Each structure stands twice: as structure tokens, then as C-alpha cells.
Protein backbone atom coordinates (compact mmCIF):
# COMPACT_ATOMS: atom_id res chain seq x y z
CA UNK A 1 -28.03 10.21 -14.86
CA UNK A 2 -25.54 7.47 -15.67
CA UNK A 3 -23.15 10.14 -16.98
CA UNK A 4 -23.58 12.16 -13.78
CA UNK A 5 -22.80 9.07 -11.69
CA UNK A 6 -19.68 8.45 -13.76
CA UNK A 7 -18.67 12.09 -13.45
CA UNK A 8 -18.96 12.15 -9.66
CA UNK A 9 -17.14 8.82 -9.34
CA UNK A 10 -14.22 9.95 -11.50
CA UNK A 11 -14.00 13.27 -9.70
CA UNK A 12 -13.70 11.38 -6.43
CA UNK A 13 -10.99 9.12 -7.81
CA UNK A 14 -8.94 12.08 -9.08
CA UNK A 15 -9.58 14.41 -6.14
CA UNK A 16 -6.19 13.93 -4.52
CA UNK A 17 -4.38 13.76 -7.87
CA UNK A 18 -5.43 17.31 -8.73
CA UNK A 19 -3.88 18.54 -5.46
CA UNK A 20 -0.96 16.11 -5.26
CA UNK A 21 1.81 18.71 -4.62
CA UNK A 22 -0.29 20.59 -2.04
CA UNK A 23 -1.43 17.47 -0.18
CA UNK A 24 2.04 15.90 -0.33
CA UNK A 25 3.61 19.01 1.19
CA UNK A 26 1.02 19.08 3.98
CA UNK A 27 1.56 15.40 4.78
CA UNK A 28 5.35 15.43 4.30
CA UNK A 29 5.43 12.81 1.53
CA UNK A 30 6.56 12.76 -2.12
CA UNK A 31 3.90 13.77 -4.72
CA UNK A 32 4.59 10.76 -6.96
CA UNK A 33 3.13 8.54 -4.23
CA UNK A 34 -0.30 9.56 -5.57
CA UNK A 35 0.26 6.84 -8.19
CA UNK A 36 0.03 4.17 -5.50
CA UNK A 37 -3.17 5.69 -4.12
CA UNK A 38 -4.82 5.55 -7.57
CA UNK A 39 -3.60 1.98 -8.04
CA UNK A 40 -5.16 0.96 -4.71
CA UNK A 41 -8.47 2.44 -5.83
CA UNK A 42 -8.51 0.40 -9.01
CA UNK A 43 -7.28 -2.76 -7.32
CA UNK A 44 -10.37 -2.77 -5.12
CA UNK A 45 -12.46 -1.72 -8.13
CA UNK A 46 -11.32 -4.86 -9.93
CA UNK A 47 -12.36 -6.96 -6.94
CA UNK A 48 -15.74 -5.21 -6.83
CA UNK A 49 -16.38 -5.67 -10.55
CA UNK A 50 -16.09 -9.46 -10.19
CA UNK A 51 -19.39 -9.63 -8.30
CA UNK A 52 -20.99 -6.50 -9.78
CA UNK A 53 -23.01 -8.38 -12.42
CA UNK A 54 -24.66 -10.64 -9.84
CA UNK A 55 -25.30 -7.73 -7.49
CA UNK A 56 -26.98 -5.70 -10.25
CA UNK A 57 -29.24 -8.65 -11.14
CA UNK A 58 -30.18 -9.22 -7.50
CA UNK A 59 -30.58 -5.67 -6.21
CA UNK A 60 -31.08 -3.62 -9.38
CA UNK A 61 -29.08 -1.00 -11.27
CA UNK A 62 -30.40 1.95 -9.24
CA UNK A 63 -29.68 0.36 -5.85
CA UNK A 64 -26.14 -0.52 -6.88
CA UNK A 65 -25.61 2.99 -8.23
CA UNK A 66 -26.73 4.32 -4.84
CA UNK A 67 -24.27 1.99 -3.12
CA UNK A 68 -21.53 3.29 -5.41
CA UNK A 69 -22.29 6.90 -4.55
CA UNK A 70 -22.46 6.13 -0.83
CA UNK A 71 -18.93 4.76 -0.96
CA UNK A 72 -17.72 8.07 -2.42
CA UNK A 73 -19.40 10.08 0.33
CA UNK A 74 -17.43 8.18 2.94
CA UNK A 75 -14.23 8.06 0.85
CA UNK A 76 -14.09 11.84 0.40
CA UNK A 77 -14.54 12.32 4.12
CA UNK A 78 -11.65 9.91 4.70
CA UNK A 79 -9.45 11.72 2.16
CA UNK A 80 -10.03 14.97 3.99
CA UNK A 81 -8.98 13.51 7.33
CA UNK A 82 -5.28 14.04 6.58
CA UNK A 83 -4.47 10.70 8.24
CA UNK A 84 -2.60 8.35 5.91
CA UNK A 85 -4.15 5.06 7.20
CA UNK A 86 -7.65 6.53 6.95
CA UNK A 87 -6.91 7.97 3.50
CA UNK A 88 -5.75 4.53 2.35
CA UNK A 89 -8.98 3.00 3.69
CA UNK A 90 -10.91 5.69 1.82
CA UNK A 91 -9.08 4.77 -1.39
CA UNK A 92 -10.06 1.12 -0.97
CA UNK A 93 -13.70 2.07 -0.31
CA UNK A 94 -13.62 4.43 -3.29
CA UNK A 95 -12.54 1.53 -5.52
CA UNK A 96 -15.26 -0.77 -4.24
CA UNK A 97 -17.86 1.79 -5.30
CA UNK A 98 -16.19 2.56 -8.61
CA UNK A 99 -16.33 -1.10 -9.64
CA UNK A 100 -20.14 -1.07 -9.40
CA UNK A 101 -21.13 1.89 -11.56
CA UNK A 102 -20.19 0.63 -15.07
CA UNK A 103 -21.96 -2.78 -14.83
CA UNK A 104 -25.03 -1.02 -13.41
CA UNK A 105 -25.01 1.62 -16.16
CA UNK A 106 -24.48 -0.94 -18.94
CA UNK A 107 -27.36 -3.02 -17.56
CA UNK A 108 -29.80 -0.12 -17.88
CA UNK A 109 -28.42 1.46 -21.09
CA UNK A 110 -28.49 -1.75 -23.14
CA UNK A 111 -32.26 -1.94 -22.46
CA UNK A 112 -33.03 1.48 -23.92
CA UNK A 113 -30.41 2.09 -26.64
CA UNK A 114 -30.99 1.28 -30.35
CA UNK A 115 -28.23 -1.00 -31.67
CA UNK A 116 -27.12 1.53 -34.31
CA UNK A 117 -26.48 4.15 -31.60
CA UNK A 118 -24.82 2.09 -28.89
CA UNK A 119 -21.26 3.32 -29.41
CA UNK A 120 -22.45 6.93 -29.31
CA UNK A 121 -24.72 6.52 -26.28
CA UNK A 122 -22.20 4.52 -24.27
CA UNK A 123 -19.53 7.08 -25.18
CA UNK A 124 -21.77 9.94 -24.02
CA UNK A 125 -22.17 8.15 -20.72
CA UNK A 126 -18.40 7.57 -20.54
CA UNK A 127 -17.85 11.29 -21.19
CA UNK A 128 -18.57 11.53 -17.49
CA UNK A 129 -15.00 10.32 -16.87
CA UNK A 130 -13.17 13.31 -18.42
CA UNK A 131 -15.93 15.68 -17.29
CA UNK A 132 -15.30 14.45 -13.77
CA UNK A 133 -11.64 15.22 -14.38
CA UNK A 134 -12.56 18.73 -15.57
CA UNK A 135 -14.60 19.37 -12.45
CA UNK A 136 -11.86 17.98 -10.21
CA UNK A 137 -9.11 19.95 -11.94
CA UNK A 138 -11.04 23.23 -11.69
CA UNK A 139 -12.61 22.83 -8.26
CA UNK A 140 -10.21 21.07 -5.91
CA UNK A 141 -7.08 23.27 -6.40
CA UNK A 142 -9.26 26.40 -6.16
CA UNK A 143 -11.00 25.12 -3.02
CA UNK A 144 -7.62 24.26 -1.51
CA UNK A 145 -6.51 27.86 -2.03
CA UNK A 146 -9.77 29.34 -0.74
CA UNK A 147 -10.73 27.21 2.26
CA UNK A 148 -8.08 24.41 2.57
CA UNK A 149 -7.71 21.13 0.74
CA UNK A 150 -9.38 19.17 3.55
CA UNK A 151 -12.49 21.35 3.69
CA UNK A 152 -12.74 21.17 -0.11
CA UNK A 153 -12.87 17.38 0.01
CA UNK A 154 -15.53 17.40 2.72
CA UNK A 155 -17.62 19.89 0.74
CA UNK A 156 -17.37 17.69 -2.38
CA UNK A 157 -19.01 14.80 -0.49
CA UNK A 158 -22.34 16.59 -0.93
CA UNK A 159 -22.38 15.78 -4.68
CA UNK A 160 -22.65 11.96 -4.40
CA UNK A 161 -25.07 12.43 -1.50
CA UNK A 162 -27.38 14.41 -3.79
CA UNK A 163 -27.28 11.68 -6.44
CA UNK A 164 -28.28 9.06 -3.86
CA UNK A 165 -31.46 11.07 -3.23
CA UNK A 166 -32.19 11.52 -6.95
CA UNK A 167 -31.65 7.83 -7.69
CA UNK A 168 -34.26 6.88 -5.10
CA UNK A 169 -36.93 8.33 -7.42
CA UNK A 170 -35.69 6.17 -10.33
CA UNK A 171 -35.63 2.84 -8.52
CA UNK A 172 -39.13 1.67 -9.58
CA UNK A 173 -38.16 2.01 -13.25
CA UNK A 174 -34.49 1.06 -13.17
CA UNK A 175 -34.91 -1.94 -10.85
CA UNK A 176 -38.08 -3.37 -12.39
CA UNK A 177 -36.15 -6.32 -13.86
CA UNK A 178 -34.14 -7.24 -10.78
CA UNK A 179 -34.15 -10.88 -9.68
CA UNK A 180 -34.17 -11.11 -5.86
CA UNK A 181 -33.51 -14.86 -6.04
CA UNK A 182 -30.24 -14.39 -7.97
CA UNK A 183 -27.09 -15.55 -6.20
CA UNK A 184 -24.28 -13.01 -6.07
CA UNK A 185 -21.38 -15.38 -5.69
CA UNK A 186 -22.27 -18.08 -8.19
CA UNK A 187 -20.51 -16.51 -11.18
CA UNK A 188 -17.47 -14.69 -9.77
CA UNK A 189 -15.30 -15.95 -12.61
CA UNK A 190 -17.95 -16.22 -15.34
CA UNK A 191 -17.43 -12.75 -16.81
CA UNK A 192 -13.65 -13.07 -16.99
CA UNK A 193 -13.85 -16.62 -18.38
CA UNK A 194 -16.24 -15.57 -21.15
CA UNK A 195 -14.09 -12.53 -21.91
CA UNK A 196 -11.05 -14.74 -22.39
CA UNK A 197 -12.94 -17.44 -24.32
CA UNK A 198 -14.34 -15.28 -27.13
CA UNK A 199 -11.64 -13.66 -29.34
CA UNK A 200 -13.33 -10.24 -29.76
CA UNK A 201 -13.95 -9.96 -26.02
CA UNK A 202 -10.41 -11.13 -25.33
CA UNK A 203 -9.03 -8.35 -27.53
CA UNK A 204 -11.31 -5.78 -25.88
CA UNK A 205 -10.11 -6.92 -22.46
CA UNK A 206 -6.44 -6.63 -23.41
CA UNK A 207 -7.01 -3.21 -24.98
CA UNK A 208 -8.59 -2.05 -21.74
CA UNK A 209 -5.51 -3.29 -19.90
CA UNK A 210 -3.06 -1.44 -22.17
CA UNK A 211 -4.97 1.76 -22.88
CA UNK A 212 -5.95 2.37 -19.27
CA UNK A 213 -2.29 2.47 -18.25
CA UNK A 214 -1.65 5.65 -20.26
CA UNK A 215 -5.09 7.16 -19.69
CA UNK A 216 -4.93 7.11 -15.90
CA UNK A 217 -1.26 8.03 -15.79
CA UNK A 218 -2.06 11.15 -17.84
CA UNK A 219 -4.83 12.10 -15.38
CA UNK A 220 -2.75 11.24 -12.33
CA UNK A 221 0.61 12.83 -13.14
CA UNK A 222 -0.13 15.83 -15.38
CA UNK A 223 -0.41 18.24 -12.46
CA UNK A 224 2.69 16.87 -10.73
CA UNK A 225 4.68 17.08 -14.00
CA UNK A 226 3.66 20.66 -14.74
CA UNK A 227 4.31 21.87 -11.18
CA UNK A 228 7.57 20.07 -10.40
CA UNK A 229 9.23 20.00 -13.84
CA UNK A 230 7.74 23.04 -15.60
CA UNK A 231 7.35 25.43 -12.68
CA UNK A 232 3.59 25.95 -13.07
CA UNK A 233 1.47 27.06 -10.12
CA UNK A 234 -0.90 24.42 -8.71
CA UNK A 235 -3.99 26.35 -9.88
CA UNK A 236 -2.57 26.80 -13.39
CA UNK A 237 -1.66 23.12 -13.57
CA UNK A 238 -5.12 22.12 -12.35
CA UNK A 239 -6.67 24.32 -15.02
CA UNK A 240 -4.46 22.67 -17.65
CA UNK A 241 -5.65 19.27 -16.47
CA UNK A 242 -9.23 20.51 -16.78
CA UNK A 243 -8.56 21.44 -20.42
CA UNK A 244 -7.04 18.01 -21.06
CA UNK A 245 -10.06 16.33 -19.53
CA UNK A 246 -12.45 18.57 -21.48
CA UNK A 247 -10.77 17.48 -24.70
CA UNK A 248 -11.22 13.92 -23.48
CA UNK A 249 -14.95 14.49 -23.00
CA UNK A 250 -15.19 15.69 -26.59
CA UNK A 251 -13.11 12.70 -27.69
CA UNK A 252 -15.38 10.19 -25.99
CA UNK A 253 -18.46 11.36 -27.87
CA UNK A 254 -16.60 12.08 -31.13
CA UNK A 255 -14.91 8.69 -31.38
CA UNK A 256 -18.09 6.87 -30.38
CA UNK A 257 -19.95 8.68 -33.16
CA UNK A 258 -17.21 7.80 -35.66
CA UNK A 259 -17.37 4.13 -34.60
CA UNK A 260 -21.13 4.07 -35.23
CA UNK A 261 -20.77 5.79 -38.60
CA UNK A 262 -18.00 3.47 -39.76
CA UNK A 263 -19.52 0.41 -38.05
CA UNK A 264 -15.96 -0.54 -37.19
CA UNK A 265 -15.30 -0.36 -33.48
CA UNK A 266 -11.90 -2.04 -33.61
CA UNK A 267 -10.68 0.27 -36.37
CA UNK A 268 -11.49 3.30 -34.24
CA UNK A 269 -9.85 1.65 -31.23
CA UNK A 270 -6.70 1.26 -33.32
CA UNK A 271 -6.83 4.92 -34.35
CA UNK A 272 -7.15 6.31 -30.82
CA UNK A 273 -4.35 4.05 -29.56
CA UNK A 274 -2.01 5.18 -32.32
CA UNK A 275 -2.73 8.90 -31.78
CA UNK A 276 -2.41 8.81 -27.98
CA UNK A 277 0.71 6.64 -28.13
CA UNK A 278 2.43 8.92 -30.66
CA UNK A 279 1.50 11.96 -28.58
CA UNK A 280 2.98 10.44 -25.44
CA UNK A 281 6.26 9.89 -27.28
CA UNK A 282 6.40 13.63 -27.94
CA UNK A 283 5.82 14.77 -24.36
CA UNK A 284 9.54 14.62 -23.65
CA UNK A 285 10.15 17.45 -26.14
CA UNK A 286 7.02 19.43 -25.29
CA UNK A 287 8.66 21.40 -22.50
CA UNK A 288 10.82 23.26 -25.04
CA UNK A 289 7.96 24.49 -27.22
CA UNK A 290 6.17 26.75 -24.77
CA UNK A 291 3.15 26.32 -22.48
CA UNK A 292 0.49 26.85 -25.17
CA UNK A 293 1.91 24.18 -27.46
CA UNK A 294 2.43 21.90 -24.46
CA UNK A 295 -1.23 22.20 -23.45
CA UNK A 296 -2.26 21.60 -27.07
CA UNK A 297 -0.23 18.38 -27.18
CA UNK A 298 -1.66 17.21 -23.87
CA UNK A 299 -5.18 17.94 -25.15
CA UNK A 300 -4.58 15.88 -28.30
CA UNK A 301 -3.44 12.98 -26.14
CA UNK A 302 -6.38 13.48 -23.78
CA UNK A 303 -8.83 13.50 -26.68
CA UNK A 304 -7.54 10.20 -28.06
CA UNK A 305 -6.67 8.34 -24.86
CA UNK A 306 -10.18 8.97 -23.52
CA UNK A 307 -11.90 7.90 -26.73
CA UNK A 308 -11.87 4.12 -26.31
CA UNK A 309 -13.91 3.43 -23.15
CA UNK A 310 -17.42 3.87 -24.49
CA UNK A 311 -16.62 1.89 -27.64
CA UNK A 312 -15.16 -0.93 -25.56
CA UNK A 313 -18.24 -1.07 -23.31
CA UNK A 314 -20.65 -0.93 -26.26
CA UNK A 315 -18.80 -3.66 -28.17
CA UNK A 316 -18.70 -5.80 -25.02
CA UNK A 317 -22.42 -5.35 -24.36
CA UNK A 318 -23.24 -6.13 -28.00
CA UNK A 319 -21.47 -9.48 -27.72
CA UNK A 320 -22.86 -10.41 -24.30
CA UNK A 321 -25.42 -13.25 -23.99
CA UNK A 322 -28.90 -12.08 -23.02
CA UNK A 323 -29.14 -11.34 -19.32
CA UNK A 324 -25.37 -11.29 -18.84
CA UNK A 325 -24.53 -7.76 -19.94
CA UNK A 326 -23.50 -6.71 -16.43
CA UNK A 327 -21.48 -9.90 -15.97
CA UNK A 328 -19.63 -9.52 -19.28
CA UNK A 329 -19.04 -5.83 -18.60
CA UNK A 330 -17.59 -6.67 -15.20
CA UNK A 331 -15.42 -9.41 -16.69
CA UNK A 332 -13.96 -7.11 -19.34
CA UNK A 333 -13.48 -4.31 -16.83
CA UNK A 334 -11.39 -6.55 -14.59
CA UNK A 335 -8.62 -6.19 -17.14
CA UNK A 336 -9.16 -2.44 -17.48
CA UNK A 337 -8.89 -2.07 -13.73
CA UNK A 338 -5.79 -4.26 -13.75
CA UNK A 339 -4.22 -1.83 -16.22
CA UNK A 340 -5.05 1.08 -13.96
CA UNK A 341 -3.59 -0.75 -10.96
CA UNK A 342 -0.41 -1.48 -12.89
CA UNK A 343 -0.27 1.87 -14.69
CA UNK A 344 0.05 4.62 -12.05
CA UNK A 345 2.08 2.41 -9.69
CA UNK A 346 4.54 1.37 -12.41
CA UNK A 347 4.65 4.98 -13.65
CA UNK A 348 5.62 6.12 -10.17
CA UNK A 349 8.28 3.38 -9.96
CA UNK A 350 9.54 4.26 -13.45
CA UNK A 351 9.77 7.92 -12.46
CA UNK A 352 11.96 6.90 -9.56
CA UNK A 353 14.32 5.18 -12.02
CA UNK A 354 14.47 7.76 -14.84
CA UNK A 355 13.83 10.85 -12.71
CA UNK A 356 11.51 12.47 -15.25
CA UNK A 357 7.75 12.48 -15.80
CA UNK A 358 8.26 13.27 -19.51
CA UNK A 359 10.51 10.25 -20.12
CA UNK A 360 8.07 8.06 -18.19
CA UNK A 361 5.28 9.15 -20.54
CA UNK A 362 7.50 8.21 -23.49
CA UNK A 363 7.70 4.62 -22.23
CA UNK A 364 3.93 4.45 -21.72
CA UNK A 365 3.38 5.68 -25.28
CA UNK A 366 4.96 2.45 -26.51
CA UNK A 367 2.37 0.48 -24.52
CA UNK A 368 -0.47 2.36 -26.24
CA UNK A 369 1.05 1.75 -29.67
CA UNK A 370 1.17 -1.99 -28.90
CA UNK A 371 -2.57 -1.88 -28.19
CA UNK A 372 -3.20 -0.04 -31.46
CA UNK A 373 -1.47 -2.83 -33.38
CA UNK A 374 -3.63 -5.41 -31.58
CA UNK A 375 -6.85 -3.55 -32.40
CA UNK A 376 -5.84 -3.15 -36.05
CA UNK A 377 -5.23 -6.90 -36.29
CA UNK A 378 -8.67 -7.70 -34.84
CA UNK A 379 -10.28 -5.24 -37.30
CA UNK A 380 -8.63 -7.02 -40.23
CA UNK A 381 -9.78 -10.41 -38.94
CA UNK A 382 -13.40 -9.25 -38.50
CA UNK A 383 -13.45 -7.52 -41.88
CA UNK A 384 -12.38 -10.77 -43.55
């Protein structure tokens, strides 16, 4: 269920990205502006995550998951309106809901997961992110061609609505440990302060900041790059994005399993950062090696750049004081959301300067390699 929630949430976030050229043409705007829409989503997600820990303690993980899904119902309806101010409001609402689902999921998963399996279980849950990208990449461009992009977005709003109904049956179990007397606003800065105080959590926070910049830029701009620079059709480009996201789903579970087997989360975080960063450096040359090789390269990057999230959440939860898992998760995720806010927006600005999506990816590969070096250093420190 937590994976399904993550899948629906990510699909909602990426809905417009998968149809960026089509929607941009209909609205008379440039497709790279989608980067600012994604950044707005994650800006409000960062704000939401600040209070998410207190809200989960007060209202329960199931109730907050329902609130998250409700925000996506309304956001998808706003996206389909075709009115830029209303679409911007939908993006902000989308972010508010997205900031709730990870603290709620971590709160419930830490209660039921054996310590030796946490990286794997949290990574399976986080596989909902690329699976949501797969669903978005396959469904939204096809729906746009069949019934119109607006009607496709309205139809997609039924998915989070269904999860709200299903979650109602889980509330007695999921929310059994809620504390109605808890104060939501008393620890707005506690999660971030603890994350910065403890060296392992500080490194995890900074890795989330750096790695999320490339991860979300890959999801946001792959379709636009393939359509505008490689001449692909929107449906073909959406299918390519689905393949990239599918490789990311495999990567999430695979790298989480490797981290559990090696019992070295930071070592695996260094490995995925190095692979995804090196792959991004090669994107500039990928256009000359044919579409099959280009998709293969993008899938390698997708596999690695999606492999860190579950490990980061599991390592954060493992180091959280008892009763503060949601708070610590929210504090660490503030930095991840900051990276996503900075990433797509700065990618769009960089594209305006260099005039090429491929060269913009090259620059972002250097950011991922910097994170890999940071993770490798923390692994050496912890091994000593």
C-alpha cells in the first residue's frame, strides 16, 4: 500500500512532464518551463515535510496518507483546466501532499520491518517512484492522443480517489499509535536540526540534495530532449521514459538488496552516484550512437540515479531516536526537496544558456559525482 501511494503521487508529479511538448503547444509556452512547475511542486513539498512528523503523530499515518491522496485528486483536476494560474495552484497543492507520504510511510514501515531487511523493504516501497514514472510515461501521452491531454488528467484523478477509500479500511491498524494530544507546530525545525547535528544524517541530507537534482531532471526533461533534439514522436519519447523509469524501479530494489547484503549503505550510495554521474556525462554523445544505444544509456542512468532513495530513508530511520522517525525523515527530506526545487529550475535556466539538453545533463553529472565522493568519504569514516 505504501508503494501504491508513492506510485500514484509520483505519477501525479510527472503527469505534465510526460506531455510537456503537447501541453506547451496547446498553452503557447516553451516546453522547458515544465522545470519550474516541478520545482514549485517540490518547494511546497519541502514546506509540508517540515510539519509532517508532527501531523503523522497527531493524526496517524493512514489519515495523512489519505490527505496526501486527496491533494492529488484536486491537483490533477487543476492541471487539466488548461489555465496557467490554476495549474500553478495545482502544482503547489500537489507538493503539499507529496511532502506527507514519505514520513507517513516511514512511520508505519519502521514498526513492521526487521532491521536486517530495512534497506530492501524501504527500497521496495520507494520503487513506487519509478513505477509511477512508468505509468505516467505510458498512460498520459497515449491518453492525450486518444481523448485529449486534459481529459486524460481528469481521468487519472480516479486513482488517488480509490486509494483514499482503501486506506479508510486500514486506519484502525495504521493509526493505533497516534497521539491526539501531540502538537503539530512544536518541532518545525527539530528534524532539520537533528539532521545537521549528526554527521551520518548530515551526509544523507546532502546526498539527497545532490542526487535529487539529477534524478528529477532526468524524469522531467527526457521527453522534451528526445522530442525537440532527437526528433522522436511524443508517444515514442513517453515510452522511452517508461523504460527508463522501469529500470529505476529495478534499481531501487536491487541497490537496497545490495546495501543489506554488504551492510554498507554509504558504500552503495557512493556506487550509484558514480554510475549515474558518469552516465550523465555521456549523454552529450549518445545522440550519435542510435536510438537503441541511447535508450540503453538512459536506462543505466535511471537504474543508478533511482537507487539511493530507499537506502537514504532506511539509514535515516535507523538512526532516528525512538518516536521521531517521521520527524527525522521529514528533516532529511527537506534537503532532498530542496535539491528537486533547485534541480529542474536550474536545469531549465542552464538550458537557456547552453541551448542543449544533452550539455545540461553533462553539467548535472558533475553534481552527482561530487555526491559520490562525499558518500565514499563517509563510508571510510564509518568503516574505521
